[in-house]
Amino acid sequence: MIGSFANSGSSSSSSSSAKTEKGTEIVFFWLPSGAPCQEQDKILKSIESKKSEIKVTRLDVNQTSTSTMANKYGVRTVPAIVILDENGATVKQFTPGVQTEANLNNYLK
């Protein structure tokens, strides 16, 4: 089941910064208990294990502090992914739905 939310959410890891230290960042809005989100998380873990220069920030939408980031990117359903370049600019946004590793790799440096 894909979850949806309006003004709630928060970070299960660190918040996204305007500029990443290593390079490309994937901001992943998710519900840890949701099956589609768990599937997407496995794919993101695979990418992380293969590409050390990619940072994945997981934002749990059940946490209140995530709402600012969710609103910034217009995220209303999960799973949702925002890919940011090393300067913090949006490269691509996916919402909702599970993205394949091959599809995500098309947008990662």
PDB file of N, CA and C in Angstrom:
ATOM      1  N   MET A   1       0.840  -1.178   0.000  1.00  0.00           N
ATOM      2  CA  MET A   1       0.000   0.000   0.000  1.00  0.00           C
ATOM      3  C   MET A   1       0.883   1.239   0.000  1.00  0.00           C
ATOM      4  N   ILE A   2       0.654   2.144  -0.898  1.00  0.00           N
ATOM      5  CA  ILE A   2       1.395   3.393  -0.937  1.00  0.00           C
ATOM      6  C   ILE A   2       0.742   4.346   0.038  1.00  0.00           C
ATOM      7  N   GLY A   3       1.545   4.875   0.957  1.00  0.00           N
ATOM      8  CA  GLY A   3       1.025   5.796   1.960  1.00  0.00           C
ATOM      9  C   GLY A   3       0.888   7.190   1.394  1.00  0.00           C
ATOM     10  N   SER A   4       0.044   7.998   1.994  1.00  0.00           N
ATOM     11  CA  SER A   4      -0.010   9.402   1.609  1.00  0.00           C
ATOM     12  C   SER A   4      -0.098  10.220   2.877  1.00  0.00           C
ATOM     13  N   PHE A   5       0.362  11.455   2.808  1.00  0.00           N
ATOM     14  CA  PHE A   5       0.395  12.292   3.991  1.00  0.00           C
ATOM     15  C   PHE A   5       0.242  13.735   3.584  1.00  0.00           C
ATOM     16  N   ALA A   6      -0.093  14.587   4.547  1.00  0.00           N
ATOM     17  CA  ALA A   6      -0.245  16.007   4.243  1.00  0.00           C
ATOM     18  C   ALA A   6       0.818  16.826   4.955  1.00  0.00           C
ATOM     19  N   ASN A   7       0.789  16.910   6.244  1.00  0.00           N
ATOM     20  CA  ASN A   7       1.723  17.787   6.939  1.00  0.00           C
ATOM     21  C   ASN A   7       2.509  17.076   8.027  1.00  0.00           C
ATOM     22  N   SER A   8       2.705  15.767   7.889  1.00  0.00           N
ATOM     23  CA  SER A   8       3.498  15.073   8.896  1.00  0.00           C
ATOM     24  C   SER A   8       4.650  14.358   8.232  1.00  0.00           C
ATOM     25  N   GLY A   9       5.720  14.142   9.007  1.00  0.00           N
ATOM     26  CA  GLY A   9       6.881  13.434   8.501  1.00  0.00           C
ATOM     27  C   GLY A   9       8.138  13.870   9.208  1.00  0.00           C
ATOM     28  N   SER A  10       9.252  13.064   9.077  1.00  0.00           N
ATOM     29  CA  SER A  10      10.550  13.453   9.655  1.00  0.00           C
ATOM     30  C   SER A  10      11.675  12.581   9.198  1.00  0.00           C
ATOM     31  N   SER A  11      12.828  12.932   9.659  1.00  0.00           N
ATOM     32  CA  SER A  11      14.044  12.276   9.211  1.00  0.00           C
ATOM     33  C   SER A  11      14.369  11.059  10.043  1.00  0.00           C
ATOM     34  N   SER A  12      14.547   9.909   9.404  1.00  0.00           N
ATOM     35  CA  SER A  12      15.034   8.731  10.097  1.00  0.00           C
ATOM     36  C   SER A  12      16.545   8.699  10.034  1.00  0.00           C
ATOM     37  N   SER A  13      17.115   9.515   9.193  1.00  0.00           N
ATOM     38  CA  SER A  13      18.553   9.743   9.178  1.00  0.00           C
ATOM     39  C   SER A  13      18.744  11.244   9.082  1.00  0.00           C
ATOM     40  N   SER A  14      19.835  11.701   8.535  1.00  0.00           N
ATOM     41  CA  SER A  14      20.099  13.138   8.520  1.00  0.00           C
ATOM     42  C   SER A  14      19.236  13.866   7.502  1.00  0.00           C
ATOM     43  N   SER A  15      19.051  15.146   7.716  1.00  0.00           N
ATOM     44  CA  SER A  15      18.314  15.965   6.768  1.00  0.00           C
ATOM     45  C   SER A  15      19.180  16.276   5.565  1.00  0.00           C
ATOM     46  N   SER A  16      18.549  16.551   4.451  1.00  0.00           N
ATOM     47  CA  SER A  16      19.275  16.888   3.238  1.00  0.00           C
ATOM     48  C   SER A  16      19.889  18.268   3.363  1.00  0.00           C
ATOM     49  N   SER A  17      21.128  18.383   2.966  1.00  0.00           N
ATOM     50  CA  SER A  17      21.789  19.678   2.997  1.00  0.00           C
ATOM     51  C   SER A  17      21.704  20.318   1.625  1.00  0.00           C
ATOM     52  N   ALA A  18      22.020  21.599   1.539  1.00  0.00           N
ATOM     53  CA  ALA A  18      21.979  22.296   0.260  1.00  0.00           C
ATOM     54  C   ALA A  18      23.081  21.808  -0.662  1.00  0.00           C
ATOM     55  N   LYS A  19      24.190  21.386  -0.087  1.00  0.00           N
ATOM     56  CA  LYS A  19      25.298  20.899  -0.893  1.00  0.00           C
ATOM     57  C   LYS A  19      25.852  19.637  -0.245  1.00  0.00           C
ATOM     58  N   THR A  20      26.040  18.591  -1.026  1.00  0.00           N
ATOM     59  CA  THR A  20      26.564  17.361  -0.465  1.00  0.00           C
ATOM     60  C   THR A  20      28.083  17.357  -0.548  1.00  0.00           C
ATOM     61  N   GLU A  21      28.713  16.660   0.384  1.00  0.00           N
ATOM     62  CA  GLU A  21      30.162  16.616   0.412  1.00  0.00           C
ATOM     63  C   GLU A  21      30.736  15.710  -0.670  1.00  0.00           C
ATOM     64  N   LYS A  22      30.094  14.579  -0.910  1.00  0.00           N
ATOM     65  CA  LYS A  22      30.641  13.597  -1.829  1.00  0.00           C
ATOM     66  C   LYS A  22      30.152  13.746  -3.258  1.00  0.00           C
ATOM     67  N   GLY A  23      28.972  14.254  -3.454  1.00  0.00           N
ATOM     68  CA  GLY A  23      28.427  14.324  -4.803  1.00  0.00           C
ATOM     69  C   GLY A  23      26.930  14.182  -4.792  1.00  0.00           C
ATOM     70  N   THR A  24      26.414  13.259  -5.580  1.00  0.00           N
ATOM     71  CA  THR A  24      24.980  13.079  -5.751  1.00  0.00           C
ATOM     72  C   THR A  24      24.328  12.547  -4.478  1.00  0.00           C
ATOM     73  N   GLU A  25      23.142  13.075  -4.191  1.00  0.00           N
ATOM     74  CA  GLU A  25      22.374  12.621  -3.037  1.00  0.00           C
ATOM     75  C   GLU A  25      20.990  12.187  -3.493  1.00  0.00           C
ATOM     76  N   ILE A  26      20.521  11.090  -2.917  1.00  0.00           N
ATOM     77  CA  ILE A  26      19.155  10.618  -3.126  1.00  0.00           C
ATOM     78  C   ILE A  26      18.393  10.880  -1.831  1.00  0.00           C
ATOM     79  N   VAL A  27      17.335  11.675  -1.925  1.00  0.00           N
ATOM     80  CA  VAL A  27      16.471  11.912  -0.771  1.00  0.00           C
ATOM     81  C   VAL A  27      15.265  10.998  -0.956  1.00  0.00           C
ATOM     82  N   PHE A  28      15.076  10.093   0.006  1.00  0.00           N
ATOM     83  CA  PHE A  28      14.056   9.054  -0.078  1.00  0.00           C
ATOM     84  C   PHE A  28      13.002   9.294   0.998  1.00  0.00           C
ATOM     85  N   PHE A  29      11.800   9.685   0.562  1.00  0.00           N
ATOM     86  CA  PHE A  29      10.664   9.863   1.462  1.00  0.00           C
ATOM     87  C   PHE A  29       9.947   8.514   1.531  1.00  0.00           C
ATOM     88  N   TRP A  30       9.762   8.012   2.769  1.00  0.00           N
ATOM     89  CA  TRP A  30       9.199   6.670   2.896  1.00  0.00           C
ATOM     90  C   TRP A  30       8.461   6.447   4.198  1.00  0.00           C
ATOM     91  N   LEU A  31       7.692   5.381   4.223  1.00  0.00           N
ATOM     92  CA  LEU A  31       7.086   4.827   5.426  1.00  0.00           C
ATOM     93  C   LEU A  31       7.790   3.487   5.629  1.00  0.00           C
ATOM     94  N   PRO A  32       8.598   3.330   6.678  1.00  0.00           N
ATOM     95  CA  PRO A  32       9.355   2.096   6.857  1.00  0.00           C
ATOM     96  C   PRO A  32       8.501   0.832   6.896  1.00  0.00           C
ATOM     97  N   SER A  33       7.237   0.945   7.283  1.00  0.00           N
ATOM     98  CA  SER A  33       6.367  -0.228   7.359  1.00  0.00           C
ATOM     99  C   SER A  33       5.668  -0.560   6.046  1.00  0.00           C
ATOM    100  N   GLY A  34       5.764   0.314   5.049  1.00  0.00           N
ATOM    101  CA  GLY A  34       5.068   0.097   3.780  1.00  0.00           C
ATOM    102  C   GLY A  34       5.830  -0.840   2.851  1.00  0.00           C
ATOM    103  N   ALA A  35       5.141  -1.808   2.285  1.00  0.00           N
ATOM    104  CA  ALA A  35       5.784  -2.787   1.394  1.00  0.00           C
ATOM    105  C   ALA A  35       6.479  -2.134   0.193  1.00  0.00           C
ATOM    106  N   PRO A  36       5.846  -1.185  -0.524  1.00  0.00           N
ATOM    107  CA  PRO A  36       6.548  -0.553  -1.641  1.00  0.00           C
ATOM    108  C   PRO A  36       7.798   0.209  -1.177  1.00  0.00           C
ATOM    109  N   CYS A  37       7.696   0.828  -0.008  1.00  0.00           N
ATOM    110  CA  CYS A  37       8.847   1.570   0.530  1.00  0.00           C
ATOM    111  C   CYS A  37       9.977   0.622   0.910  1.00  0.00           C
ATOM    112  N   GLN A  38       9.643  -0.516   1.477  1.00  0.00           N
ATOM    113  CA  GLN A  38      10.660  -1.514   1.821  1.00  0.00           C
ATOM    114  C   GLN A  38      11.344  -2.039   0.565  1.00  0.00           C
ATOM    115  N   GLU A  39      10.557  -2.254  -0.488  1.00  0.00           N
ATOM    116  CA  GLU A  39      11.123  -2.707  -1.762  1.00  0.00           C
ATOM    117  C   GLU A  39      12.077  -1.651  -2.329  1.00  0.00           C
ATOM    118  N   GLN A  40      11.661  -0.384  -2.292  1.00  0.00           N
ATOM    119  CA  GLN A  40      12.509   0.693  -2.787  1.00  0.00           C
ATOM    120  C   GLN A  40      13.770   0.816  -1.945  1.00  0.00           C
ATOM    121  N   ASP A  41      13.648   0.633  -0.639  1.00  0.00           N
ATOM    122  CA  ASP A  41      14.806   0.725   0.245  1.00  0.00           C
ATOM    123  C   ASP A  41      15.857  -0.335  -0.109  1.00  0.00           C
ATOM    124  N   LYS A  42      15.428  -1.536  -0.439  1.00  0.00           N
ATOM    125  CA  LYS A  42      16.375  -2.591  -0.856  1.00  0.00           C
ATOM    126  C   LYS A  42      17.145  -2.164  -2.098  1.00  0.00           C
ATOM    127  N   ILE A  43      16.448  -1.550  -3.034  1.00  0.00           N
ATOM    128  CA  ILE A  43      17.090  -1.076  -4.267  1.00  0.00           C
ATOM    129  C   ILE A  43      18.094   0.021  -3.946  1.00  0.00           C
ATOM    130  N   LEU A  44      17.725   0.936  -3.067  1.00  0.00           N
ATOM    131  CA  LEU A  44      18.634   2.023  -2.696  1.00  0.00           C
ATOM    132  C   LEU A  44      19.853   1.492  -1.944  1.00  0.00           C
ATOM    133  N   LYS A  45      19.666   0.490  -1.096  1.00  0.00           N
ATOM    134  CA  LYS A  45      20.804  -0.125  -0.395  1.00  0.00           C
ATOM    135  C   LYS A  45      21.752  -0.778  -1.382  1.00  0.00           C
ATOM    136  N   SER A  46      21.207  -1.373  -2.427  1.00  0.00           N
ATOM    137  CA  SER A  46      22.043  -1.971  -3.469  1.00  0.00           C
ATOM    138  C   SER A  46      22.885  -0.905  -4.161  1.00  0.00           C
ATOM    139  N   ILE A  47      22.261   0.210  -4.495  1.00  0.00           N
ATOM    140  CA  ILE A  47      22.989   1.324  -5.121  1.00  0.00           C
ATOM    141  C   ILE A  47      24.080   1.832  -4.189  1.00  0.00           C
ATOM    142  N   GLU A  48      23.740   2.011  -2.908  1.00  0.00           N
ATOM    143  CA  GLU A  48      24.726   2.484  -1.928  1.00  0.00           C
ATOM    144  C   GLU A  48      25.933   1.561  -1.844  1.00  0.00           C
ATOM    145  N   SER A  49      25.679   0.262  -1.905  1.00  0.00           N
ATOM    146  CA  SER A  49      26.780  -0.695  -1.779  1.00  0.00           C
ATOM    147  C   SER A  49      27.686  -0.698  -3.007  1.00  0.00           C
ATOM    148  N   LYS A  50      27.149  -0.290  -4.138  1.00  0.00           N
ATOM    149  CA  LYS A  50      27.914  -0.287  -5.388  1.00  0.00           C
ATOM    150  C   LYS A  50      28.546   1.059  -5.709  1.00  0.00           C
ATOM    151  N   LYS A  51      27.973   2.129  -5.184  1.00  0.00           N
ATOM    152  CA  LYS A  51      28.434   3.481  -5.528  1.00  0.00           C
ATOM    153  C   LYS A  51      28.649   4.282  -4.248  1.00  0.00           C
ATOM    154  N   SER A  52      29.864   4.267  -3.741  1.00  0.00           N
ATOM    155  CA  SER A  52      30.147   4.937  -2.467  1.00  0.00           C
ATOM    156  C   SER A  52      29.994   6.451  -2.546  1.00  0.00           C
ATOM    157  N   GLU A  53      30.019   7.017  -3.745  1.00  0.00           N
ATOM    158  CA  GLU A  53      29.877   8.467  -3.890  1.00  0.00           C
ATOM    159  C   GLU A  53      28.423   8.934  -3.797  1.00  0.00           C
ATOM    160  N   ILE A  54      27.482   8.001  -3.760  1.00  0.00           N
ATOM    161  CA  ILE A  54      26.060   8.326  -3.659  1.00  0.00           C
ATOM    162  C   ILE A  54      25.640   8.303  -2.195  1.00  0.00           C
ATOM    163  N   LYS A  55      25.025   9.384  -1.747  1.00  0.00           N
ATOM    164  CA  LYS A  55      24.505   9.457  -0.379  1.00  0.00           C
ATOM    165  C   LYS A  55      22.989   9.297  -0.447  1.00  0.00           C
ATOM    166  N   VAL A  56      22.440   8.430   0.395  1.00  0.00           N
ATOM    167  CA  VAL A  56      20.994   8.270   0.480  1.00  0.00           C
ATOM    168  C   VAL A  56      20.530   8.796   1.835  1.00  0.00           C
ATOM    169  N   THR A  57      19.622   9.748   1.800  1.00  0.00           N
ATOM    170  CA  THR A  57      19.009  10.293   3.013  1.00  0.00           C
ATOM    171  C   THR A  57      17.583   9.775   3.064  1.00  0.00           C
ATOM    172  N   ARG A  58      17.267   9.024   4.112  1.00  0.00           N
ATOM    173  CA  ARG A  58      15.935   8.456   4.279  1.00  0.00           C
ATOM    174  C   ARG A  58      15.127   9.340   5.218  1.00  0.00           C
ATOM    175  N   LEU A  59      13.981   9.795   4.739  1.00  0.00           N
ATOM    176  CA  LEU A  59      13.104  10.657   5.533  1.00  0.00           C
ATOM    177  C   LEU A  59      11.784   9.941   5.785  1.00  0.00           C
ATOM    178  N   ASP A  60      11.557   9.570   7.027  1.00  0.00           N
ATOM    179  CA  ASP A  60      10.355   8.863   7.449  1.00  0.00           C
ATOM    180  C   ASP A  60       9.210   9.867   7.537  1.00  0.00           C
ATOM    181  N   VAL A  61       8.201   9.707   6.715  1.00  0.00           N
ATOM    182  CA  VAL A  61       7.095  10.672   6.670  1.00  0.00           C
ATOM    183  C   VAL A  61       6.205  10.630   7.912  1.00  0.00           C
ATOM    184  N   ASN A  62       6.419   9.661   8.796  1.00  0.00           N
ATOM    185  CA  ASN A  62       5.684   9.619  10.059  1.00  0.00           C
ATOM    186  C   ASN A  62       6.263  10.580  11.088  1.00  0.00           C
ATOM    187  N   GLN A  63       7.407  11.169  10.807  1.00  0.00           N
ATOM    188  CA  GLN A  63       8.078  12.077  11.735  1.00  0.00           C
ATOM    189  C   GLN A  63       7.760  13.529  11.369  1.00  0.00           C
ATOM    190  N   THR A  64       7.420  14.319  12.330  1.00  0.00           N
ATOM    191  CA  THR A  64       6.989  15.702  12.116  1.00  0.00           C
ATOM    192  C   THR A  64       8.027  16.548  11.394  1.00  0.00           C
ATOM    193  N   SER A  65       9.300  16.362  11.684  1.00  0.00           N
ATOM    194  CA  SER A  65      10.333  17.227  11.111  1.00  0.00           C
ATOM    195  C   SER A  65      10.540  17.029   9.605  1.00  0.00           C
ATOM    196  N   THR A  66       9.980  16.004   9.019  1.00  0.00           N
ATOM    197  CA  THR A  66      10.117  15.779   7.583  1.00  0.00           C
ATOM    198  C   THR A  66       9.189  16.663   6.760  1.00  0.00           C
ATOM    199  N   SER A  67       8.165  17.218   7.362  1.00  0.00           N
ATOM    200  CA  SER A  67       7.156  17.952   6.600  1.00  0.00           C
ATOM    201  C   SER A  67       7.740  19.123   5.815  1.00  0.00           C
ATOM    202  N   THR A  68       8.748  19.805   6.347  1.00  0.00           N
ATOM    203  CA  THR A  68       9.360  20.921   5.631  1.00  0.00           C
ATOM    204  C   THR A  68       9.986  20.446   4.332  1.00  0.00           C
ATOM    205  N   MET A  69      10.751  19.359   4.402  1.00  0.00           N
ATOM    206  CA  MET A  69      11.383  18.815   3.192  1.00  0.00           C
ATOM    207  C   MET A  69      10.331  18.289   2.223  1.00  0.00           C
ATOM    208  N   ALA A  70       9.325  17.614   2.737  1.00  0.00           N
ATOM    209  CA  ALA A  70       8.268  17.085   1.873  1.00  0.00           C
ATOM    210  C   ALA A  70       7.554  18.218   1.145  1.00  0.00           C
ATOM    211  N   ASN A  71       7.255  19.279   1.861  1.00  0.00           N
ATOM    212  CA  ASN A  71       6.596  20.431   1.240  1.00  0.00           C
ATOM    213  C   ASN A  71       7.494  21.095   0.207  1.00  0.00           C
ATOM    214  N   LYS A  72       8.782  21.187   0.508  1.00  0.00           N
ATOM    215  CA  LYS A  72       9.733  21.802  -0.422  1.00  0.00           C
ATOM    216  C   LYS A  72       9.695  21.118  -1.783  1.00  0.00           C
ATOM    217  N   TYR A  73       9.580  19.791  -1.780  1.00  0.00           N
ATOM    218  CA  TYR A  73       9.588  19.026  -3.029  1.00  0.00           C
ATOM    219  C   TYR A  73       8.195  18.615  -3.492  1.00  0.00           C
ATOM    220  N   GLY A  74       7.157  19.057  -2.799  1.00  0.00           N
ATOM    221  CA  GLY A  74       5.789  18.746  -3.211  1.00  0.00           C
ATOM    222  C   GLY A  74       5.443  17.279  -3.056  1.00  0.00           C
ATOM    223  N   VAL A  75       6.070  16.597  -2.132  1.00  0.00           N
ATOM    224  CA  VAL A  75       5.829  15.164  -1.918  1.00  0.00           C
ATOM    225  C   VAL A  75       4.563  14.990  -1.097  1.00  0.00           C
ATOM    226  N   ARG A  76       3.627  14.202  -1.625  1.00  0.00           N
ATOM    227  CA  ARG A  76       2.375  13.921  -0.929  1.00  0.00           C
ATOM    228  C   ARG A  76       2.107  12.423  -0.804  1.00  0.00           C
ATOM    229  N   THR A  77       2.819  11.610  -1.558  1.00  0.00           N
ATOM    230  CA  THR A  77       2.663  10.164  -1.482  1.00  0.00           C
ATOM    231  C   THR A  77       4.046   9.526  -1.459  1.00  0.00           C
ATOM    232  N   VAL A  78       4.113   8.314  -0.949  1.00  0.00           N
ATOM    233  CA  VAL A  78       5.378   7.583  -0.874  1.00  0.00           C
ATOM    234  C   VAL A  78       5.214   6.196  -1.475  1.00  0.00           C
ATOM    235  N   PRO A  79       6.301   5.599  -1.925  1.00  0.00           N
ATOM    236  CA  PRO A  79       7.655   6.109  -1.891  1.00  0.00           C
ATOM    237  C   PRO A  79       7.867   7.247  -2.893  1.00  0.00           C
ATOM    238  N   ALA A  80       8.732   8.166  -2.500  1.00  0.00           N
ATOM    239  CA  ALA A  80       9.102   9.283  -3.371  1.00  0.00           C
ATOM    240  C   ALA A  80      10.610   9.481  -3.278  1.00  0.00           C
ATOM    241  N   ILE A  81      11.217   9.818  -4.403  1.00  0.00           N
ATOM    242  CA  ILE A  81      12.663  10.005  -4.466  1.00  0.00           C
ATOM    243  C   ILE A  81      12.956  11.325  -5.155  1.00  0.00           C
ATOM    244  N   VAL A  82      13.922  12.057  -4.579  1.00  0.00           N
ATOM    245  CA  VAL A  82      14.447  13.264  -5.212  1.00  0.00           C
ATOM    246  C   VAL A  82      15.951  13.059  -5.339  1.00  0.00           C
ATOM    247  N   ILE A  83      16.471  13.200  -6.549  1.00  0.00           N
ATOM    248  CA  ILE A  83      17.912  13.087  -6.772  1.00  0.00           C
ATOM    249  C   ILE A  83      18.473  14.493  -6.885  1.00  0.00           C
ATOM    250  N   LEU A  84      19.478  14.784  -6.061  1.00  0.00           N
ATOM    251  CA  LEU A  84      20.119  16.100  -6.035  1.00  0.00           C
ATOM    252  C   LEU A  84      21.561  15.980  -6.514  1.00  0.00           C
ATOM    253  N   ASP A  85      22.025  16.986  -7.244  1.00  0.00           N
ATOM    254  CA  ASP A  85      23.433  16.986  -7.660  1.00  0.00           C
ATOM    255  C   ASP A  85      24.300  17.528  -6.530  1.00  0.00           C
ATOM    256  N   GLU A  86      25.603  17.623  -6.763  1.00  0.00           N
ATOM    257  CA  GLU A  86      26.540  18.052  -5.721  1.00  0.00           C
ATOM    258  C   GLU A  86      26.301  19.477  -5.241  1.00  0.00           C
ATOM    259  N   ASN A  87      25.546  20.269  -5.994  1.00  0.00           N
ATOM    260  CA  ASN A  87      25.205  21.639  -5.596  1.00  0.00           C
ATOM    261  C   ASN A  87      23.834  21.752  -4.943  1.00  0.00           C
ATOM    262  N   GLY A  88      23.156  20.630  -4.789  1.00  0.00           N
ATOM    263  CA  GLY A  88      21.834  20.625  -4.170  1.00  0.00           C
ATOM    264  C   GLY A  88      20.690  20.884  -5.125  1.00  0.00           C
ATOM    265  N   ALA A  89      20.988  20.967  -6.426  1.00  0.00           N
ATOM    266  CA  ALA A  89      19.935  21.181  -7.428  1.00  0.00           C
ATOM    267  C   ALA A  89      19.240  19.861  -7.750  1.00  0.00           C
ATOM    268  N   THR A  90      17.942  19.924  -7.966  1.00  0.00           N
ATOM    269  CA  THR A  90      17.179  18.723  -8.304  1.00  0.00           C
ATOM    270  C   THR A  90      17.539  18.240  -9.706  1.00  0.00           C
ATOM    271  N   VAL A  91      17.936  16.978  -9.797  1.00  0.00           N
ATOM    272  CA  VAL A  91      18.240  16.330 -11.073  1.00  0.00           C
ATOM    273  C   VAL A  91      16.981  15.657 -11.601  1.00  0.00           C
ATOM    274  N   LYS A  92      16.281  14.942 -10.710  1.00  0.00           N
ATOM    275  CA  LYS A  92      15.073  14.207 -11.094  1.00  0.00           C
ATOM    276  C   LYS A  92      14.263  13.924  -9.841  1.00  0.00           C
ATOM    277  N   GLN A  93      12.937  13.910 -10.007  1.00  0.00           N
ATOM    278  CA  GLN A  93      12.046  13.572  -8.913  1.00  0.00           C
ATOM    279  C   GLN A  93      11.096  12.475  -9.367  1.00  0.00           C
ATOM    280  N   PHE A  94      10.921  11.472  -8.500  1.00  0.00           N
ATOM    281  CA  PHE A  94      10.018  10.356  -8.774  1.00  0.00           C
ATOM    282  C   PHE A  94       9.007  10.269  -7.631  1.00  0.00           C
ATOM    283  N   THR A  95       7.721  10.350  -7.951  1.00  0.00           N
ATOM    284  CA  THR A  95       6.688  10.189  -6.939  1.00  0.00           C
ATOM    285  C   THR A  95       5.364   9.864  -7.598  1.00  0.00           C
ATOM    286  N   PRO A  96       4.598   8.967  -7.096  1.00  0.00           N
ATOM    287  CA  PRO A  96       4.964   7.855  -6.229  1.00  0.00           C
ATOM    288  C   PRO A  96       5.432   6.691  -7.074  1.00  0.00           C
ATOM    289  N   GLY A  97       5.778   5.628  -6.408  1.00  0.00           N
ATOM    290  CA  GLY A  97       6.092   4.381  -7.087  1.00  0.00           C
ATOM    291  C   GLY A  97       7.534   3.946  -6.903  1.00  0.00           C
ATOM    292  N   VAL A  98       7.730   2.643  -6.994  1.00  0.00           N
ATOM    293  CA  VAL A  98       9.050   2.038  -6.843  1.00  0.00           C
ATOM    294  C   VAL A  98       9.817   2.199  -8.150  1.00  0.00           C
ATOM    295  N   GLN A  99      11.045   2.687  -8.035  1.00  0.00           N
ATOM    296  CA  GLN A  99      11.917   2.870  -9.196  1.00  0.00           C
ATOM    297  C   GLN A  99      12.956   1.753  -9.234  1.00  0.00           C
ATOM    298  N   THR A 100      13.213   1.234 -10.413  1.00  0.00           N
ATOM    299  CA  THR A 100      14.215   0.182 -10.552  1.00  0.00           C
ATOM    300  C   THR A 100      15.617   0.767 -10.389  1.00  0.00           C
ATOM    301  N   GLU A 101      16.556  -0.107 -10.072  1.00  0.00           N
ATOM    302  CA  GLU A 101      17.942   0.324  -9.956  1.00  0.00           C
ATOM    303  C   GLU A 101      18.446   0.867 -11.297  1.00  0.00           C
ATOM    304  N   ALA A 102      18.080   0.196 -12.374  1.00  0.00           N
ATOM    305  CA  ALA A 102      18.514   0.633 -13.710  1.00  0.00           C
ATOM    306  C   ALA A 102      17.981   2.034 -14.021  1.00  0.00           C
ATOM    307  N   ASN A 103      16.723   2.288 -13.694  1.00  0.00           N
ATOM    308  CA  ASN A 103      16.142   3.601 -13.951  1.00  0.00           C
ATOM    309  C   ASN A 103      16.841   4.678 -13.115  1.00  0.00           C
ATOM    310  N   LEU A 104      17.071   4.414 -11.845  1.00  0.00           N
ATOM    311  CA  LEU A 104      17.747   5.392 -10.988  1.00  0.00           C
ATOM    312  C   LEU A 104      19.174   5.651 -11.477  1.00  0.00           C
ATOM    313  N   ASN A 105      19.859   4.611 -11.902  1.00  0.00           N
ATOM    314  CA  ASN A 105      21.238   4.761 -12.383  1.00  0.00           C
ATOM    315  C   ASN A 105      21.340   5.680 -13.583  1.00  0.00           C
ATOM    316  N   ASN A 106      20.261   5.806 -14.355  1.00  0.00           N
ATOM    317  CA  ASN A 106      20.256   6.728 -15.485  1.00  0.00           C
ATOM    318  C   ASN A 106      20.463   8.180 -15.059  1.00  0.00           C
ATOM    319  N   TYR A 107      20.145   8.492 -13.803  1.00  0.00           N
ATOM    320  CA  TYR A 107      20.229   9.870 -13.321  1.00  0.00           C
ATOM    321  C   TYR A 107      21.344  10.095 -12.302  1.00  0.00           C
ATOM    322  N   LEU A 108      22.122   9.055 -12.021  1.00  0.00           N
ATOM    323  CA  LEU A 108      23.195   9.170 -11.048  1.00  0.00           C
ATOM    324  C   LEU A 108      24.527   9.317 -11.742  1.00  0.00           C
ATOM    325  N   LYS A 109      25.359  10.197 -11.214  1.00  0.00           N
ATOM    326  CA  LYS A 109      26.682  10.414 -11.799  1.00  0.00           C
ATOM    327  C   LYS A 109      27.652   9.373 -11.292  1.00  0.00           C
TER     328      LYS A 109
END
